[in-house]
Amino acid sequence: MEVRDWIILALIILFSLIYWYRGRSRRIAGEKPAKTNAKVRAMLEEAGYEIVKAKPTVKVRMDIDDKQHPFELKSDYLVTKNGRKYLVRIRRDGKQARFQSKMWRSSLIRDVLAFQTAGILILNTEKETLHQIRFRI
């Protein structure tokens, strides 16, 4: 193969990767970040996160006996930090939460896997706390 052939091959691979990555990120719908709560925005930016989408949603299709059942999974925010994506869940109550409990674990890991993020952030606006939760599988 000549140099020209290698350049053409590299361009084809590059465009394929760009097409794949853009299609993957478009899978998550949501509102523009401008429509966010000022307190939430300030807390996230202070911690070094950038809001990508507000109210992100992922469409999921479940097949039961060849019958389709579509539904949507929703969260509060999608943010990035150091090139990694995180979901944000807002807690508005002042109650203490045990994130390692079965109920929380199942819900959190479901969202992390569905949205294909590095983890999830739990933001309590009353207590002004931010917890980062990551799963290693």
N, C-alpha and C. Protein backbone atom coordinates (compact mmCIF):
# COMPACT_ATOMS: atom_id res chain seq x y z
N MET A 1 0.84 -1.19 0.00
CA MET A 1 0.00 0.00 0.00
C MET A 1 0.89 1.25 0.00
N GLU A 2 0.44 2.22 -0.72
CA GLU A 2 1.17 3.47 -0.80
C GLU A 2 0.72 4.41 0.32
N VAL A 3 1.44 5.48 0.49
CA VAL A 3 1.12 6.47 1.52
C VAL A 3 -0.28 7.03 1.32
N ARG A 4 -0.63 7.27 0.07
CA ARG A 4 -1.95 7.81 -0.25
C ARG A 4 -3.06 6.86 0.24
N ASP A 5 -2.86 5.56 0.09
CA ASP A 5 -3.84 4.58 0.54
C ASP A 5 -3.99 4.60 2.07
N TRP A 6 -2.88 4.75 2.78
CA TRP A 6 -2.92 4.81 4.24
C TRP A 6 -3.67 6.07 4.71
N ILE A 7 -3.47 7.17 4.01
CA ILE A 7 -4.17 8.41 4.37
C ILE A 7 -5.67 8.25 4.17
N ILE A 8 -6.07 7.66 3.06
CA ILE A 8 -7.49 7.44 2.78
C ILE A 8 -8.08 6.50 3.83
N LEU A 9 -7.37 5.44 4.17
CA LEU A 9 -7.85 4.51 5.19
C LEU A 9 -7.99 5.20 6.54
N ALA A 10 -7.03 6.03 6.90
CA ALA A 10 -7.09 6.76 8.18
C ALA A 10 -8.27 7.72 8.20
N LEU A 11 -8.55 8.39 7.09
CA LEU A 11 -9.69 9.30 7.03
C LEU A 11 -11.02 8.55 7.16
N ILE A 12 -11.11 7.39 6.52
CA ILE A 12 -12.33 6.58 6.63
C ILE A 12 -12.55 6.16 8.07
N ILE A 13 -11.50 5.71 8.73
CA ILE A 13 -11.61 5.29 10.13
C ILE A 13 -11.99 6.48 11.01
N LEU A 14 -11.37 7.62 10.79
CA LEU A 14 -11.66 8.82 11.57
C LEU A 14 -13.12 9.23 11.44
N PHE A 15 -13.63 9.29 10.21
CA PHE A 15 -15.02 9.67 10.00
C PHE A 15 -15.98 8.64 10.59
N SER A 16 -15.62 7.37 10.55
CA SER A 16 -16.45 6.33 11.15
C SER A 16 -16.53 6.50 12.66
N LEU A 17 -15.41 6.79 13.29
CA LEU A 17 -15.40 7.01 14.74
C LEU A 17 -16.20 8.25 15.13
N ILE A 18 -16.07 9.31 14.37
CA ILE A 18 -16.84 10.53 14.65
C ILE A 18 -18.34 10.25 14.51
N TYR A 19 -18.73 9.56 13.44
CA TYR A 19 -20.13 9.22 13.23
C TYR A 19 -20.67 8.36 14.37
N TRP A 20 -19.90 7.37 14.81
CA TRP A 20 -20.31 6.49 15.90
C TRP A 20 -20.46 7.27 17.20
N TYR A 21 -19.50 8.14 17.51
CA TYR A 21 -19.53 8.89 18.76
C TYR A 21 -20.70 9.87 18.78
N ARG A 22 -20.94 10.57 17.69
CA ARG A 22 -22.05 11.52 17.64
C ARG A 22 -23.39 10.81 17.76
N GLY A 23 -23.54 9.67 17.14
CA GLY A 23 -24.77 8.91 17.24
C GLY A 23 -25.01 8.42 18.65
N ARG A 24 -23.95 8.05 19.34
CA ARG A 24 -24.05 7.57 20.71
C ARG A 24 -24.48 8.70 21.65
N SER A 25 -23.95 9.89 21.47
CA SER A 25 -24.29 10.99 22.36
C SER A 25 -25.67 11.57 22.06
N ARG A 26 -26.16 11.42 20.85
CA ARG A 26 -27.49 11.92 20.51
C ARG A 26 -28.59 11.05 21.10
N ARG A 27 -28.25 9.89 21.54
CA ARG A 27 -29.22 8.96 22.11
C ARG A 27 -29.89 9.54 23.35
N ILE A 28 -29.21 10.44 24.04
CA ILE A 28 -29.74 11.04 25.26
C ILE A 28 -30.36 12.39 24.89
N ALA A 29 -31.68 12.47 25.04
CA ALA A 29 -32.39 13.72 24.76
C ALA A 29 -32.46 14.54 26.04
N GLY A 30 -32.80 15.81 25.91
CA GLY A 30 -32.94 16.66 27.09
C GLY A 30 -33.07 18.11 26.71
N GLU A 31 -33.23 18.94 27.73
CA GLU A 31 -33.36 20.38 27.52
C GLU A 31 -31.99 21.05 27.54
N LYS A 32 -31.96 22.27 27.07
CA LYS A 32 -30.72 23.04 27.07
C LYS A 32 -30.34 23.39 28.51
N PRO A 33 -29.04 23.45 28.80
CA PRO A 33 -28.60 23.72 30.17
C PRO A 33 -28.98 25.11 30.69
N ALA A 34 -29.38 26.02 29.81
CA ALA A 34 -29.75 27.37 30.26
C ALA A 34 -30.97 27.34 31.18
N LYS A 35 -31.80 26.32 31.03
CA LYS A 35 -33.02 26.22 31.83
C LYS A 35 -32.75 25.46 33.13
N THR A 36 -31.83 25.96 33.94
CA THR A 36 -31.49 25.25 35.17
C THR A 36 -31.69 26.15 36.38
N ASN A 37 -31.87 25.51 37.50
CA ASN A 37 -32.00 26.18 38.79
C ASN A 37 -30.66 26.85 39.12
N ALA A 38 -30.69 28.12 39.52
CA ALA A 38 -29.46 28.87 39.78
C ALA A 38 -28.65 28.26 40.92
N LYS A 39 -29.31 27.78 41.96
CA LYS A 39 -28.61 27.20 43.10
C LYS A 39 -27.92 25.89 42.69
N VAL A 40 -28.63 25.07 41.94
CA VAL A 40 -28.07 23.80 41.46
C VAL A 40 -26.88 24.07 40.55
N ARG A 41 -27.05 25.01 39.62
CA ARG A 41 -25.97 25.36 38.70
C ARG A 41 -24.73 25.82 39.47
N ALA A 42 -24.93 26.68 40.46
CA ALA A 42 -23.81 27.20 41.25
C ALA A 42 -23.09 26.08 42.00
N MET A 43 -23.85 25.17 42.61
CA MET A 43 -23.23 24.07 43.36
C MET A 43 -22.42 23.15 42.44
N LEU A 44 -22.97 22.84 41.27
CA LEU A 44 -22.27 21.96 40.34
C LEU A 44 -21.03 22.63 39.76
N GLU A 45 -21.15 23.88 39.39
CA GLU A 45 -19.99 24.59 38.82
C GLU A 45 -18.90 24.79 39.87
N GLU A 46 -19.30 25.02 41.12
CA GLU A 46 -18.31 25.16 42.20
C GLU A 46 -17.52 23.87 42.39
N ALA A 47 -18.18 22.74 42.16
CA ALA A 47 -17.51 21.44 42.29
C ALA A 47 -16.75 21.05 41.01
N GLY A 48 -16.81 21.89 39.98
CA GLY A 48 -16.04 21.63 38.76
C GLY A 48 -16.79 20.91 37.66
N TYR A 49 -18.11 20.80 37.76
CA TYR A 49 -18.91 20.11 36.75
C TYR A 49 -19.53 21.11 35.79
N GLU A 50 -19.69 20.68 34.54
CA GLU A 50 -20.34 21.50 33.52
C GLU A 50 -21.65 20.82 33.13
N ILE A 51 -22.74 21.56 33.16
CA ILE A 51 -24.05 21.00 32.83
C ILE A 51 -24.16 20.86 31.31
N VAL A 52 -24.47 19.64 30.87
CA VAL A 52 -24.62 19.35 29.44
C VAL A 52 -26.09 19.39 29.05
N LYS A 53 -26.93 18.72 29.84
CA LYS A 53 -28.37 18.68 29.55
C LYS A 53 -29.15 18.71 30.85
N ALA A 54 -30.31 19.37 30.78
CA ALA A 54 -31.25 19.37 31.89
C ALA A 54 -32.35 18.37 31.54
N LYS A 55 -32.82 17.64 32.51
CA LYS A 55 -33.86 16.62 32.34
C LYS A 55 -33.53 15.65 31.21
N PRO A 56 -32.37 14.99 31.26
CA PRO A 56 -32.02 14.04 30.19
C PRO A 56 -32.95 12.83 30.21
N THR A 57 -33.27 12.33 29.04
CA THR A 57 -34.11 11.15 28.91
C THR A 57 -33.50 10.17 27.92
N VAL A 58 -33.71 8.90 28.19
CA VAL A 58 -33.28 7.83 27.28
C VAL A 58 -34.50 6.99 26.97
N LYS A 59 -34.73 6.77 25.69
CA LYS A 59 -35.85 5.91 25.29
C LYS A 59 -35.38 4.46 25.32
N VAL A 60 -36.19 3.63 25.95
CA VAL A 60 -35.87 2.21 26.11
C VAL A 60 -37.04 1.41 25.54
N ARG A 61 -36.72 0.32 24.88
CA ARG A 61 -37.76 -0.57 24.37
C ARG A 61 -37.57 -1.93 25.00
N MET A 62 -38.60 -2.41 25.64
CA MET A 62 -38.58 -3.72 26.27
C MET A 62 -39.46 -4.65 25.43
N ASP A 63 -38.93 -5.82 25.09
CA ASP A 63 -39.69 -6.80 24.32
C ASP A 63 -40.10 -7.94 25.23
N ILE A 64 -41.41 -8.18 25.29
CA ILE A 64 -41.94 -9.31 26.06
C ILE A 64 -42.74 -10.16 25.10
N ASP A 65 -42.28 -11.39 24.87
CA ASP A 65 -42.93 -12.30 23.93
C ASP A 65 -43.20 -11.61 22.58
N ASP A 66 -42.17 -11.00 22.04
CA ASP A 66 -42.22 -10.32 20.74
C ASP A 66 -43.17 -9.12 20.71
N LYS A 67 -43.58 -8.65 21.87
CA LYS A 67 -44.43 -7.47 21.95
C LYS A 67 -43.60 -6.33 22.53
N GLN A 68 -43.60 -5.19 21.85
CA GLN A 68 -42.77 -4.06 22.27
C GLN A 68 -43.47 -3.20 23.31
N HIS A 69 -42.69 -2.81 24.33
CA HIS A 69 -43.18 -1.94 25.39
C HIS A 69 -42.17 -0.81 25.57
N PRO A 70 -42.35 0.31 24.88
CA PRO A 70 -41.39 1.42 25.01
C PRO A 70 -41.67 2.24 26.26
N PHE A 71 -40.61 2.79 26.84
CA PHE A 71 -40.73 3.71 27.97
C PHE A 71 -39.49 4.58 28.01
N GLU A 72 -39.51 5.57 28.88
CA GLU A 72 -38.38 6.49 29.00
C GLU A 72 -37.83 6.47 30.42
N LEU A 73 -36.52 6.57 30.53
CA LEU A 73 -35.86 6.78 31.81
C LEU A 73 -35.45 8.24 31.86
N LYS A 74 -35.67 8.88 33.00
CA LYS A 74 -35.37 10.30 33.13
C LYS A 74 -34.50 10.55 34.35
N SER A 75 -33.76 11.64 34.28
CA SER A 75 -32.95 12.08 35.41
C SER A 75 -33.06 13.60 35.49
N ASP A 76 -32.33 14.21 36.43
CA ASP A 76 -32.42 15.66 36.60
C ASP A 76 -31.44 16.42 35.70
N TYR A 77 -30.18 15.97 35.69
CA TYR A 77 -29.15 16.65 34.88
C TYR A 77 -28.14 15.64 34.36
N LEU A 78 -27.47 16.03 33.28
CA LEU A 78 -26.32 15.30 32.76
C LEU A 78 -25.17 16.30 32.75
N VAL A 79 -24.06 15.95 33.43
CA VAL A 79 -22.93 16.87 33.56
C VAL A 79 -21.64 16.17 33.12
N THR A 80 -20.59 16.97 32.91
CA THR A 80 -19.28 16.41 32.60
C THR A 80 -18.23 17.03 33.51
N LYS A 81 -17.19 16.24 33.74
CA LYS A 81 -16.02 16.71 34.49
C LYS A 81 -14.84 15.85 34.06
N ASN A 82 -13.76 16.49 33.67
CA ASN A 82 -12.55 15.79 33.22
C ASN A 82 -12.84 14.77 32.12
N GLY A 83 -13.74 15.11 31.21
CA GLY A 83 -14.05 14.23 30.09
C GLY A 83 -14.98 13.07 30.42
N ARG A 84 -15.49 13.02 31.63
CA ARG A 84 -16.41 11.94 32.02
C ARG A 84 -17.82 12.49 32.23
N LYS A 85 -18.82 11.69 31.84
CA LYS A 85 -20.21 12.09 32.01
C LYS A 85 -20.77 11.52 33.31
N TYR A 86 -21.59 12.32 33.98
CA TYR A 86 -22.25 11.89 35.21
C TYR A 86 -23.71 12.32 35.16
N LEU A 87 -24.58 11.49 35.73
CA LEU A 87 -25.97 11.88 35.93
C LEU A 87 -26.07 12.60 37.26
N VAL A 88 -27.04 13.48 37.38
CA VAL A 88 -27.26 14.18 38.65
C VAL A 88 -28.70 13.93 39.08
N ARG A 89 -28.85 13.52 40.32
CA ARG A 89 -30.18 13.39 40.93
C ARG A 89 -30.27 14.43 42.04
N ILE A 90 -31.36 15.16 42.05
CA ILE A 90 -31.58 16.19 43.06
C ILE A 90 -32.43 15.59 44.18
N ARG A 91 -31.95 15.75 45.42
CA ARG A 91 -32.73 15.35 46.60
C ARG A 91 -33.23 16.62 47.25
N ARG A 92 -34.50 16.69 47.45
CA ARG A 92 -35.08 17.90 48.01
C ARG A 92 -35.48 17.74 49.47
N ASP A 93 -35.41 16.54 49.97
CA ASP A 93 -35.77 16.33 51.38
C ASP A 93 -34.51 16.34 52.24
N GLY A 94 -34.70 16.55 53.51
CA GLY A 94 -33.56 16.62 54.43
C GLY A 94 -33.22 15.28 55.06
N LYS A 95 -33.88 14.21 54.63
CA LYS A 95 -33.66 12.90 55.25
C LYS A 95 -32.29 12.33 54.89
N GLN A 96 -31.74 11.56 55.81
CA GLN A 96 -30.47 10.87 55.58
C GLN A 96 -30.74 9.66 54.67
N ALA A 97 -29.94 9.48 53.65
CA ALA A 97 -30.12 8.36 52.72
C ALA A 97 -28.96 7.39 52.84
N ARG A 98 -29.28 6.12 52.79
CA ARG A 98 -28.25 5.07 52.74
C ARG A 98 -28.16 4.61 51.29
N PHE A 99 -27.19 5.14 50.58
CA PHE A 99 -27.07 4.84 49.15
C PHE A 99 -26.68 3.39 48.89
N GLN A 100 -26.14 2.70 49.90
CA GLN A 100 -25.76 1.31 49.72
C GLN A 100 -26.94 0.36 49.95
N SER A 101 -28.12 0.89 50.29
CA SER A 101 -29.29 0.03 50.49
C SER A 101 -29.73 -0.56 49.14
N LYS A 102 -30.44 -1.67 49.20
CA LYS A 102 -30.83 -2.40 47.99
C LYS A 102 -31.67 -1.53 47.05
N MET A 103 -32.59 -0.77 47.61
CA MET A 103 -33.46 0.07 46.79
C MET A 103 -32.64 1.13 46.02
N TRP A 104 -31.76 1.82 46.72
CA TRP A 104 -30.94 2.85 46.08
C TRP A 104 -29.98 2.23 45.07
N ARG A 105 -29.31 1.14 45.46
CA ARG A 105 -28.33 0.51 44.56
C ARG A 105 -28.97 0.13 43.23
N SER A 106 -30.11 -0.53 43.29
CA SER A 106 -30.78 -0.98 42.06
C SER A 106 -31.15 0.20 41.16
N SER A 107 -31.68 1.22 41.76
CA SER A 107 -32.09 2.39 40.99
C SER A 107 -30.89 3.12 40.39
N LEU A 108 -29.84 3.29 41.18
CA LEU A 108 -28.67 4.04 40.71
C LEU A 108 -27.92 3.29 39.61
N ILE A 109 -27.71 1.99 39.79
CA ILE A 109 -26.96 1.24 38.78
C ILE A 109 -27.75 1.13 37.48
N ARG A 110 -29.07 1.04 37.59
CA ARG A 110 -29.92 1.02 36.39
C ARG A 110 -29.71 2.29 35.57
N ASP A 111 -29.73 3.44 36.24
CA ASP A 111 -29.56 4.71 35.53
C ASP A 111 -28.16 4.86 34.96
N VAL A 112 -27.15 4.48 35.71
CA VAL A 112 -25.76 4.59 35.23
C VAL A 112 -25.56 3.75 33.98
N LEU A 113 -26.10 2.53 33.98
CA LEU A 113 -25.94 1.66 32.82
C LEU A 113 -26.78 2.13 31.63
N ALA A 114 -27.99 2.60 31.88
CA ALA A 114 -28.85 3.04 30.78
C ALA A 114 -28.32 4.31 30.11
N PHE A 115 -27.81 5.25 30.90
CA PHE A 115 -27.31 6.50 30.34
C PHE A 115 -25.83 6.40 29.95
N GLN A 116 -25.20 5.28 30.25
CA GLN A 116 -23.79 5.02 29.93
C GLN A 116 -22.89 6.14 30.45
N THR A 117 -22.97 6.37 31.76
CA THR A 117 -22.17 7.40 32.40
C THR A 117 -21.13 6.77 33.32
N ALA A 118 -20.19 7.59 33.76
CA ALA A 118 -19.13 7.12 34.67
C ALA A 118 -19.63 6.98 36.09
N GLY A 119 -20.74 7.61 36.41
CA GLY A 119 -21.29 7.54 37.76
C GLY A 119 -22.50 8.44 37.87
N ILE A 120 -22.90 8.64 39.12
CA ILE A 120 -24.08 9.47 39.39
C ILE A 120 -23.78 10.37 40.57
N LEU A 121 -24.29 11.58 40.53
CA LEU A 121 -24.11 12.54 41.61
C LEU A 121 -25.45 12.74 42.31
N ILE A 122 -25.43 12.69 43.63
CA ILE A 122 -26.63 12.97 44.42
C ILE A 122 -26.44 14.34 45.04
N LEU A 123 -27.27 15.28 44.64
CA LEU A 123 -27.16 16.66 45.09
C LEU A 123 -28.32 16.98 46.02
N ASN A 124 -28.02 17.31 47.27
CA ASN A 124 -29.05 17.69 48.24
C ASN A 124 -29.01 19.21 48.36
N THR A 125 -30.05 19.87 47.87
CA THR A 125 -30.06 21.33 47.86
C THR A 125 -30.30 21.92 49.24
N GLU A 126 -31.00 21.20 50.12
CA GLU A 126 -31.25 21.71 51.47
C GLU A 126 -29.98 21.68 52.31
N LYS A 127 -29.28 20.56 52.29
CA LYS A 127 -28.05 20.42 53.08
C LYS A 127 -26.82 20.91 52.33
N GLU A 128 -27.00 21.23 51.04
CA GLU A 128 -25.91 21.67 50.17
C GLU A 128 -24.75 20.67 50.16
N THR A 129 -25.11 19.39 49.92
CA THR A 129 -24.10 18.33 49.84
C THR A 129 -24.14 17.71 48.45
N LEU A 130 -23.00 17.18 48.04
CA LEU A 130 -22.88 16.53 46.74
C LEU A 130 -22.10 15.24 46.93
N HIS A 131 -22.73 14.11 46.60
CA HIS A 131 -22.09 12.79 46.73
C HIS A 131 -21.89 12.21 45.34
N GLN A 132 -20.68 11.71 45.08
CA GLN A 132 -20.38 11.06 43.80
C GLN A 132 -20.39 9.55 44.02
N ILE A 133 -21.18 8.84 43.22
CA ILE A 133 -21.30 7.39 43.33
C ILE A 133 -20.86 6.78 42.00
N ARG A 134 -19.92 5.84 42.08
CA ARG A 134 -19.44 5.14 40.89
C ARG A 134 -19.52 3.64 41.15
N PHE A 135 -19.77 2.89 40.09
CA PHE A 135 -19.85 1.43 40.17
C PHE A 135 -18.68 0.84 39.40
N ARG A 136 -18.12 -0.23 39.92
CA ARG A 136 -17.06 -0.97 39.21
C ARG A 136 -17.58 -2.39 38.99
N ILE A 137 -17.70 -2.74 37.74
CA ILE A 137 -18.25 -4.07 37.40
C ILE A 137 -17.15 -4.90 36.77
